[in-house]
Amino acid sequence: MGSGSDTDKGNQALAAALLEAGRSNAALARRVNELGSLQGVVMCYDKASVTRWLQGMTPRDRAPEFIAAALSGFLGSVLNSDHGVGFRLRSQMMEPRRWRPASKLAGVLS
């Protein structure tokens, strides 16, 4: 796992989005795991993982994408992983990945 760009203050954007959504750390972790599973990605996040993200740690691989999707579903509005939930842009760190067809997630996100 990489570290966030400003771990002293934590991830304020993620904290604000989670608070606005009215969901617990455990609920976010469950939803991230579910969305990963729908895309064929095995994830084993829990409430402690979310606590680390809130403290400023940047999650690995596609997790920021799934975190943004989970919060977007909770809030009913589109967030992205860099601005909406406070994770730095990862495009320079890894090859971009395409999101699979929305048809698999359409009923799940609403």
Protein backbone atom coordinates (compact mmCIF):
# COMPACT_ATOMS: atom_id res chain seq x y z
CA MET A 1 0.00 0.00 0.00
CA GLY A 2 1.22 3.42 -0.84
CA SER A 3 0.96 6.39 1.41
CA GLY A 4 -1.17 9.43 0.77
CA SER A 5 0.29 12.77 -0.17
CA ASP A 6 -0.69 14.45 3.10
CA THR A 7 -0.95 11.88 5.87
CA ASP A 8 -0.77 14.49 8.66
CA LYS A 9 -4.24 15.81 7.86
CA GLY A 10 -5.65 12.54 6.61
CA ASN A 11 -8.04 12.23 3.72
CA GLN A 12 -10.53 15.00 4.40
CA ALA A 13 -12.37 14.53 1.10
CA LEU A 14 -13.01 10.87 1.87
CA ALA A 15 -14.10 11.70 5.42
CA ALA A 16 -16.53 14.35 4.15
CA ALA A 17 -18.00 12.02 1.52
CA LEU A 18 -18.40 9.18 4.02
CA LEU A 19 -20.03 11.51 6.55
CA GLU A 20 -22.37 12.93 3.92
CA ALA A 21 -23.31 9.40 2.84
CA GLY A 22 -24.12 8.52 6.45
CA ARG A 23 -22.36 5.18 6.14
CA SER A 24 -19.95 3.42 8.45
CA ASN A 25 -16.38 2.40 7.69
CA ALA A 26 -17.55 -1.21 7.66
CA ALA A 27 -20.34 -0.44 5.16
CA LEU A 28 -17.88 1.25 2.81
CA ALA A 29 -15.43 -1.64 3.05
CA ARG A 30 -18.18 -4.18 2.32
CA ARG A 31 -19.37 -2.22 -0.70
CA VAL A 32 -15.83 -1.82 -2.07
CA ASN A 33 -15.33 -5.59 -1.74
CA GLU A 34 -18.66 -6.23 -3.49
CA LEU A 35 -17.88 -3.89 -6.38
CA GLY A 36 -14.45 -5.44 -6.78
CA SER A 37 -16.01 -8.88 -6.89
CA LEU A 38 -18.41 -7.77 -9.63
CA GLN A 39 -15.36 -6.79 -11.67
CA GLY A 40 -13.52 -10.03 -10.92
CA VAL A 41 -11.15 -8.40 -8.43
CA VAL A 42 -10.74 -10.10 -5.05
CA MET A 43 -10.57 -7.56 -2.23
CA CYS A 44 -10.59 -8.14 1.51
CA TYR A 45 -11.03 -4.68 2.99
CA ASP A 46 -12.58 -4.10 6.41
CA LYS A 47 -13.36 -1.15 8.67
CA ALA A 48 -9.70 -0.92 9.73
CA SER A 49 -8.74 -0.49 6.06
CA VAL A 50 -11.14 2.44 5.77
CA THR A 51 -9.66 3.95 8.94
CA ARG A 52 -6.22 3.81 7.31
CA TRP A 53 -7.57 5.49 4.16
CA LEU A 54 -9.10 8.21 6.32
CA GLN A 55 -5.72 8.68 8.01
CA GLY A 56 -4.14 9.32 4.61
CA MET A 57 -3.01 5.97 3.25
CA THR A 58 -3.68 5.45 -0.45
CA PRO A 59 -5.14 2.01 -1.17
CA ARG A 60 -3.59 -0.28 -3.76
CA ASP A 61 -4.47 -1.07 -7.34
CA ARG A 62 -8.08 -0.39 -8.35
CA ALA A 63 -9.40 0.21 -4.83
CA PRO A 64 -9.69 4.02 -5.26
CA GLU A 65 -11.89 3.38 -8.31
CA PHE A 66 -14.18 1.09 -6.29
CA ILE A 67 -14.23 3.47 -3.32
CA ALA A 68 -15.38 6.28 -5.61
CA ALA A 69 -18.02 4.00 -7.17
CA ALA A 70 -19.29 2.90 -3.75
CA LEU A 71 -19.57 6.45 -2.46
CA SER A 72 -21.17 7.57 -5.73
CA GLY A 73 -23.82 4.91 -5.22
CA PHE A 74 -24.37 5.90 -1.59
CA LEU A 75 -24.65 9.60 -2.45
CA GLY A 76 -26.46 9.32 -5.77
CA SER A 77 -23.86 11.52 -7.46
CA VAL A 78 -20.67 10.83 -9.36
CA LEU A 79 -17.37 11.08 -7.50
CA ASN A 80 -13.97 10.22 -8.87
CA SER A 81 -11.01 8.75 -7.04
CA ASP A 82 -8.70 11.75 -7.21
CA HIS A 83 -10.94 14.74 -6.52
CA GLY A 84 -14.14 13.25 -5.10
CA VAL A 85 -12.56 10.99 -2.51
CA GLY A 86 -9.14 12.57 -2.12
CA PHE A 87 -6.76 10.01 -3.55
CA ARG A 88 -3.98 11.44 -5.67
CA LEU A 89 -3.93 10.75 -9.37
CA ARG A 90 -2.50 7.33 -10.03
CA SER A 91 -2.10 7.67 -13.81
CA GLN A 92 1.63 8.20 -13.49
CA MET A 93 1.99 5.24 -11.15
CA MET A 94 0.20 2.57 -13.17
CA GLU A 95 -1.33 1.86 -16.54
CA PRO A 96 -4.93 3.09 -16.71
CA ARG A 97 -7.61 0.43 -16.56
CA ARG A 98 -10.93 0.49 -18.28
CA TRP A 99 -14.08 0.09 -16.26
CA ARG A 100 -16.11 -2.85 -17.52
CA PRO A 101 -19.53 -2.22 -19.03
CA ALA A 102 -21.88 -0.35 -16.76
CA SER A 103 -24.60 -2.91 -17.44
CA LYS A 104 -23.05 -5.19 -14.80
CA LEU A 105 -23.21 -2.45 -12.18
CA ALA A 106 -26.25 -0.44 -13.23
CA GLY A 107 -28.66 -2.14 -10.85
CA VAL A 108 -26.10 -2.38 -8.08
CA LEU A 109 -25.17 1.30 -7.91
CA SER A 110 -28.71 2.63 -7.75
